[in-house]
């Protein structure tokens, strides 16, 4: 089973908040973004870029959001990596997403 081209990790973990090896269900939106910070324990900050249509000027403008996502121990990421995150139930005050996998390693 793969989500948007993301394969399950080869490592296993015993984290109950892992979508692959725990009991966490992924529902809602699935987004792609770049890891901006991996300094928290089991949490990363992902920058999600998107286009917003401004009807007044009839053009698109670039916008972004910083999203906090839970990082299971079986997935290894560093700053600059492109990751796929999925929406879950609230895991903490500011965490409602979980990292599903790495699409591309950053330089």
N, C-alpha and C. Protein backbone atom coordinates (compact mmCIF):
# COMPACT_ATOMS: atom_id res chain seq x y z
N UNK A 1 0.84 -1.18 0.00
CA UNK A 1 0.00 0.00 0.00
C UNK A 1 0.89 1.24 0.00
N UNK A 2 0.71 2.11 -0.97
CA UNK A 2 1.48 3.34 -1.02
C UNK A 2 0.55 4.53 -1.11
N UNK A 3 0.95 5.61 -0.51
CA UNK A 3 0.16 6.83 -0.55
C UNK A 3 0.88 7.82 -1.44
N UNK A 4 0.30 8.13 -2.60
CA UNK A 4 0.86 9.12 -3.52
C UNK A 4 2.32 8.86 -3.85
N UNK A 5 2.65 7.63 -4.12
CA UNK A 5 4.01 7.29 -4.49
C UNK A 5 4.96 7.12 -3.32
N UNK A 6 4.44 7.06 -2.10
CA UNK A 6 5.28 6.89 -0.92
C UNK A 6 5.16 5.45 -0.45
N UNK A 7 6.31 4.79 -0.35
CA UNK A 7 6.33 3.40 0.10
C UNK A 7 6.47 3.34 1.61
N UNK A 8 5.99 2.27 2.25
CA UNK A 8 6.17 2.12 3.69
C UNK A 8 7.66 2.05 4.04
N UNK A 9 8.04 2.55 5.21
CA UNK A 9 9.47 2.51 5.59
C UNK A 9 9.94 1.09 5.82
N UNK A 10 11.24 0.87 5.54
CA UNK A 10 11.80 -0.47 5.72
C UNK A 10 12.01 -0.80 7.19
N UNK A 11 12.26 0.24 8.02
CA UNK A 11 12.42 0.02 9.46
C UNK A 11 11.06 -0.15 10.12
N UNK A 12 11.06 -0.77 11.30
CA UNK A 12 9.84 -0.86 12.09
C UNK A 12 10.03 -0.08 13.38
N UNK A 13 8.92 0.34 13.96
CA UNK A 13 8.98 1.08 15.21
C UNK A 13 7.80 0.66 16.08
N UNK A 14 7.84 1.06 17.34
CA UNK A 14 6.75 0.73 18.25
C UNK A 14 6.03 1.99 18.71
N UNK A 15 6.03 3.03 17.87
CA UNK A 15 5.36 4.29 18.18
C UNK A 15 3.86 4.13 17.90
N UNK A 16 3.00 4.34 18.91
CA UNK A 16 1.55 4.20 18.65
C UNK A 16 1.01 5.28 17.73
N UNK A 17 1.75 6.39 17.55
CA UNK A 17 1.31 7.47 16.66
C UNK A 17 1.91 7.35 15.26
N UNK A 18 2.42 6.17 14.91
CA UNK A 18 2.97 5.93 13.57
C UNK A 18 1.84 5.44 12.67
N UNK A 19 1.67 6.03 11.48
CA UNK A 19 0.59 5.57 10.60
C UNK A 19 0.88 4.20 9.97
N UNK A 20 2.15 3.78 9.93
CA UNK A 20 2.50 2.50 9.32
C UNK A 20 2.52 1.37 10.34
N UNK A 21 3.01 1.61 11.57
CA UNK A 21 3.17 0.54 12.55
C UNK A 21 2.32 0.73 13.80
N UNK A 22 1.64 1.86 13.93
CA UNK A 22 0.83 2.14 15.11
C UNK A 22 -0.65 2.08 14.78
N UNK A 23 -1.44 2.83 15.55
CA UNK A 23 -2.89 2.81 15.39
C UNK A 23 -3.44 4.15 14.92
N UNK A 24 -2.61 4.98 14.28
CA UNK A 24 -3.03 6.31 13.87
C UNK A 24 -3.64 6.26 12.48
N UNK A 25 -4.84 6.79 12.34
CA UNK A 25 -5.52 6.82 11.05
C UNK A 25 -5.27 8.16 10.36
N UNK A 26 -5.00 8.11 9.07
CA UNK A 26 -4.80 9.32 8.27
C UNK A 26 -6.11 9.61 7.55
N UNK A 27 -6.62 10.84 7.74
CA UNK A 27 -7.86 11.23 7.07
C UNK A 27 -7.70 12.68 6.67
N UNK A 28 -8.49 13.13 5.74
CA UNK A 28 -8.42 14.52 5.32
C UNK A 28 -7.41 14.72 4.21
N UNK A 29 -6.71 15.84 4.23
CA UNK A 29 -5.84 16.21 3.13
C UNK A 29 -4.46 15.55 3.25
N UNK A 30 -3.83 15.35 2.10
CA UNK A 30 -2.45 14.88 2.02
C UNK A 30 -1.67 15.95 1.27
N UNK A 31 -0.61 16.48 1.90
CA UNK A 31 0.14 17.60 1.35
C UNK A 31 1.60 17.22 1.16
N UNK A 32 2.28 18.02 0.35
CA UNK A 32 3.72 17.87 0.13
C UNK A 32 4.39 19.16 0.56
N UNK A 33 5.55 19.05 1.19
CA UNK A 33 6.26 20.24 1.63
C UNK A 33 7.71 19.95 1.92
N UNK A 34 8.44 21.01 2.25
CA UNK A 34 9.87 20.92 2.53
C UNK A 34 10.07 21.05 4.04
N UNK A 35 10.92 20.19 4.61
CA UNK A 35 11.21 20.24 6.04
C UNK A 35 12.06 21.48 6.32
N UNK A 36 11.55 22.38 7.15
CA UNK A 36 12.28 23.60 7.50
C UNK A 36 13.05 23.43 8.79
N UNK A 37 12.52 22.66 9.74
CA UNK A 37 13.17 22.49 11.03
C UNK A 37 12.87 21.10 11.56
N UNK A 38 13.90 20.46 12.09
CA UNK A 38 13.74 19.14 12.69
C UNK A 38 14.36 19.13 14.08
N UNK A 39 14.20 20.22 14.82
CA UNK A 39 14.86 20.38 16.11
C UNK A 39 14.02 19.85 17.28
N UNK A 40 12.71 19.71 17.09
CA UNK A 40 11.86 19.21 18.17
C UNK A 40 11.94 17.69 18.24
N UNK A 41 11.54 17.15 19.38
CA UNK A 41 11.52 15.70 19.54
C UNK A 41 10.28 15.15 18.85
N UNK A 42 10.50 14.26 17.86
CA UNK A 42 9.43 13.58 17.13
C UNK A 42 8.49 14.54 16.40
N UNK A 43 8.93 15.76 16.11
CA UNK A 43 8.10 16.74 15.40
C UNK A 43 8.98 17.52 14.44
N UNK A 44 8.44 17.79 13.25
CA UNK A 44 9.15 18.61 12.27
C UNK A 44 8.23 19.75 11.84
N UNK A 45 8.84 20.82 11.31
CA UNK A 45 8.09 21.93 10.74
C UNK A 45 8.23 21.83 9.23
N UNK A 46 7.10 21.77 8.53
CA UNK A 46 7.07 21.59 7.08
C UNK A 46 6.52 22.86 6.45
N UNK A 47 7.22 23.39 5.44
CA UNK A 47 6.75 24.56 4.69
C UNK A 47 5.98 24.05 3.47
N UNK A 48 4.68 24.39 3.42
CA UNK A 48 3.80 23.99 2.32
C UNK A 48 3.53 25.21 1.45
N UNK A 49 4.01 25.18 0.20
CA UNK A 49 3.80 26.26 -0.75
C UNK A 49 2.56 25.96 -1.59
N UNK A 50 1.76 26.99 -1.86
CA UNK A 50 0.57 26.81 -2.68
C UNK A 50 0.26 28.11 -3.40
N UNK A 51 -0.63 28.04 -4.38
CA UNK A 51 -1.05 29.21 -5.14
C UNK A 51 -2.44 29.63 -4.69
N UNK A 52 -2.63 30.94 -4.53
CA UNK A 52 -3.91 31.50 -4.14
C UNK A 52 -4.39 32.40 -5.27
N UNK A 53 -5.62 32.22 -5.71
CA UNK A 53 -6.17 33.04 -6.78
C UNK A 53 -6.80 34.29 -6.18
N UNK A 54 -6.32 35.45 -6.63
CA UNK A 54 -6.86 36.73 -6.17
C UNK A 54 -7.85 37.22 -7.21
N UNK A 55 -9.16 37.20 -6.92
CA UNK A 55 -10.15 37.56 -7.93
C UNK A 55 -10.12 39.03 -8.34
N UNK A 56 -9.66 39.90 -7.45
CA UNK A 56 -9.63 41.32 -7.79
C UNK A 56 -8.65 41.59 -8.94
N UNK A 57 -7.47 41.01 -8.84
CA UNK A 57 -6.45 41.23 -9.86
C UNK A 57 -6.41 40.12 -10.92
N UNK A 58 -7.25 39.09 -10.74
CA UNK A 58 -7.36 37.97 -11.67
C UNK A 58 -6.01 37.31 -11.93
N UNK A 59 -5.29 37.07 -10.85
CA UNK A 59 -3.99 36.41 -10.94
C UNK A 59 -3.81 35.49 -9.75
N UNK A 60 -2.79 34.68 -9.84
CA UNK A 60 -2.40 33.82 -8.73
C UNK A 60 -1.24 34.46 -7.99
N UNK A 61 -1.21 34.24 -6.68
CA UNK A 61 -0.06 34.68 -5.89
C UNK A 61 0.44 33.49 -5.08
N UNK A 62 1.76 33.47 -4.84
CA UNK A 62 2.35 32.39 -4.08
C UNK A 62 2.19 32.66 -2.60
N UNK A 63 1.75 31.65 -1.88
CA UNK A 63 1.64 31.73 -0.42
C UNK A 63 2.24 30.47 0.17
N UNK A 64 2.47 30.50 1.49
CA UNK A 64 3.00 29.31 2.17
C UNK A 64 2.48 29.27 3.60
N UNK A 65 2.55 28.07 4.17
CA UNK A 65 2.21 27.86 5.58
C UNK A 65 3.27 26.97 6.19
N UNK A 66 3.51 27.18 7.47
CA UNK A 66 4.38 26.29 8.24
C UNK A 66 3.48 25.37 9.04
N UNK A 67 3.62 24.07 8.82
CA UNK A 67 2.77 23.07 9.44
C UNK A 67 3.63 22.18 10.33
N UNK A 68 3.20 21.99 11.57
CA UNK A 68 3.89 21.07 12.48
C UNK A 68 3.36 19.67 12.21
N UNK A 69 4.28 18.70 12.08
CA UNK A 69 3.89 17.33 11.78
C UNK A 69 4.67 16.37 12.68
N UNK A 70 3.99 15.32 13.13
CA UNK A 70 4.62 14.28 13.95
C UNK A 70 5.55 13.45 13.08
N UNK A 71 6.72 13.13 13.59
CA UNK A 71 7.71 12.34 12.85
C UNK A 71 7.92 11.01 13.56
N UNK A 72 7.44 9.91 12.99
CA UNK A 72 7.67 8.60 13.61
C UNK A 72 9.16 8.24 13.56
N UNK A 73 9.64 7.46 14.54
CA UNK A 73 11.07 7.12 14.56
C UNK A 73 11.52 6.25 13.39
N UNK A 74 10.60 5.59 12.68
CA UNK A 74 11.00 4.72 11.57
C UNK A 74 11.28 5.50 10.29
N UNK A 75 10.96 6.80 10.25
CA UNK A 75 11.21 7.63 9.08
C UNK A 75 12.32 8.62 9.43
N UNK A 76 13.37 8.63 8.64
CA UNK A 76 14.52 9.51 8.87
C UNK A 76 14.47 10.68 7.90
N UNK A 77 14.37 11.91 8.43
CA UNK A 77 14.37 13.10 7.59
C UNK A 77 15.36 14.11 8.14
N UNK A 78 15.80 15.01 7.26
CA UNK A 78 16.67 16.12 7.63
C UNK A 78 16.10 17.38 7.01
N UNK A 79 16.63 18.52 7.41
CA UNK A 79 16.16 19.79 6.86
C UNK A 79 16.45 19.82 5.36
N UNK A 80 15.48 20.28 4.59
CA UNK A 80 15.62 20.35 3.15
C UNK A 80 14.98 19.20 2.41
N UNK A 81 14.58 18.14 3.10
CA UNK A 81 13.94 17.00 2.45
C UNK A 81 12.51 17.35 2.07
N UNK A 82 12.06 16.81 0.94
CA UNK A 82 10.67 16.96 0.51
C UNK A 82 9.90 15.77 1.06
N UNK A 83 8.85 16.03 1.84
CA UNK A 83 8.10 14.96 2.50
C UNK A 83 6.62 15.06 2.16
N UNK A 84 5.93 13.95 2.34
CA UNK A 84 4.47 13.88 2.21
C UNK A 84 3.91 13.77 3.61
N UNK A 85 2.95 14.65 3.95
CA UNK A 85 2.31 14.63 5.26
C UNK A 85 0.82 14.41 5.09
N UNK A 86 0.21 13.76 6.05
CA UNK A 86 -1.22 13.49 6.01
C UNK A 86 -1.90 14.01 7.26
N UNK A 87 -3.14 14.43 7.11
CA UNK A 87 -3.90 14.97 8.24
C UNK A 87 -4.42 13.84 9.12
N UNK A 88 -4.37 14.06 10.44
CA UNK A 88 -4.84 13.08 11.41
C UNK A 88 -5.67 13.80 12.47
N UNK A 89 -6.03 13.07 13.49
CA UNK A 89 -6.66 13.70 14.64
C UNK A 89 -5.62 14.59 15.33
N UNK A 90 -6.03 15.55 16.17
CA UNK A 90 -5.03 16.37 16.86
C UNK A 90 -4.16 15.52 17.78
N UNK A 91 -2.84 15.62 17.58
CA UNK A 91 -1.88 14.88 18.40
C UNK A 91 -1.30 15.74 19.51
N UNK A 92 -1.31 17.05 19.33
CA UNK A 92 -0.84 18.00 20.33
C UNK A 92 -1.54 19.32 20.03
N UNK A 93 -1.18 20.35 20.77
CA UNK A 93 -1.83 21.64 20.59
C UNK A 93 -1.70 22.16 19.15
N UNK A 94 -0.53 21.99 18.56
CA UNK A 94 -0.31 22.53 17.22
C UNK A 94 0.00 21.44 16.19
N UNK A 95 -0.17 20.17 16.53
CA UNK A 95 0.19 19.08 15.63
C UNK A 95 -1.06 18.30 15.24
N UNK A 96 -1.42 18.36 13.95
CA UNK A 96 -2.53 17.57 13.42
C UNK A 96 -2.15 16.86 12.14
N UNK A 97 -0.86 16.76 11.86
CA UNK A 97 -0.37 16.08 10.67
C UNK A 97 0.71 15.08 11.08
N UNK A 98 0.96 14.09 10.21
CA UNK A 98 2.01 13.10 10.46
C UNK A 98 2.78 12.91 9.16
N UNK A 99 4.10 12.70 9.28
CA UNK A 99 4.93 12.47 8.11
C UNK A 99 4.70 11.04 7.62
N UNK A 100 4.38 10.91 6.33
CA UNK A 100 4.12 9.59 5.74
C UNK A 100 5.35 9.03 5.04
N UNK A 101 6.20 9.89 4.53
CA UNK A 101 7.39 9.40 3.86
C UNK A 101 8.16 10.54 3.22
N UNK A 102 9.34 10.18 2.71
CA UNK A 102 10.24 11.15 2.06
C UNK A 102 10.12 10.95 0.56
N UNK A 103 9.86 12.05 -0.17
CA UNK A 103 9.78 12.00 -1.62
C UNK A 103 11.15 12.21 -2.23
N UNK A 104 11.88 13.20 -1.71
CA UNK A 104 13.19 13.54 -2.27
C UNK A 104 14.10 14.02 -1.17
N UNK A 105 15.31 13.52 -1.14
CA UNK A 105 16.29 13.97 -0.16
C UNK A 105 16.83 15.34 -0.57
N UNK A 106 16.96 16.24 0.42
CA UNK A 106 17.49 17.56 0.15
C UNK A 106 19.00 17.55 0.09
N UNK A 107 19.54 18.60 -0.55
CA UNK A 107 20.98 18.69 -0.72
C UNK A 107 21.62 19.23 0.49
